[in-house]
Amino acid sequence: MGGKDWIFISDAHLSGNDSNEIKRFVSFLKSEREKLDSLIVLGDLFEFFFGFKPSIWNKKSYLFPDYKPIFEEFQNLYERGIKIKYFEGNHDFSLNSFFSRQLDIEVEVYPDGSEEILGGKRTFIAHGDLSNPNDYRYRIFRLALKNRLTYGFIQILGPNISCRIAKILSKRSYRKFHEEVKYESHPSFKKFAKKKFLEGYEIVILGHSHYPEWIEEIIEGKRFIYFNVGDWMTHRSFLRYSPPDKFFLSRWEDG
């Protein structure tokens, strides 16, 4: 059976520094409204995103005013019956109840990967930052960031201080990882996908690499597919799934 499309997008790293980038992304979402069933965000949509809650220090929840146009469009999509799933990346923290509490919309939030059935095939979906099992430094760093103790500390610091610190760290990260367009991905992503194939998944969809790719592999006569959505930040890339079984790795052109 046919149906409306699923759109997968990752690594926009949007911030308040460039309002035009946010406008472009909102324009993209608006252009997809009529044919969209589900929007799947594979993490790092924003440069820093934390689910702040009301506290003694902060009487109101923090809504990230620079991100308001995107949140408003999420509400528009939700009101149209479009499902939204958000897979936390390495710039996303403690989002579990953020959307229902702040925006009064239901968004499925996944701190790690999850399984879907697309076109009758078992599909593994994740941000992809844990694809390299040998990157011990990053894994330790991630554990230090993504835990209740750190979340509690960020909550105590409050949005003003936390966002300032995040901007400093983001500038360093940008210089190190994002200044140049990537022309190839790290082999760990393909190895991770093959591992998932051997676990019984037929499709693997990841982000994080900032490099869009589509790789098909035949194992014992059976077809497997690995997609990396790439990034919105430099490639404007996204993955479209059109039921029952069509996939398109595409690039959005403004206008």
Foldseek 3Di string as FASTA:
>chain_A
DWAAKEKEAEAQQDALPDLVSLVLVLVVLVVRLVRAAEYEYQENNHLAEEFACADPVRNHTDDRVSNVSVLVSVLVSVVVNHAYEYAYDLRYAHCCCRCCVPVVGDYHYHPAWDWDQALNFTEIEHQCPCLAVPPVVVVVVSVVCHDPVNSVVDNVVPDVVNVVVSVVVSVVVCVVPPPDQDPDFDCSQVVSQVVVVVVRGQEYEYEDRLDWDWDWDADPNDIHIYTYQHHCNPQQWMWMRIPRGDIDTDHDDRD
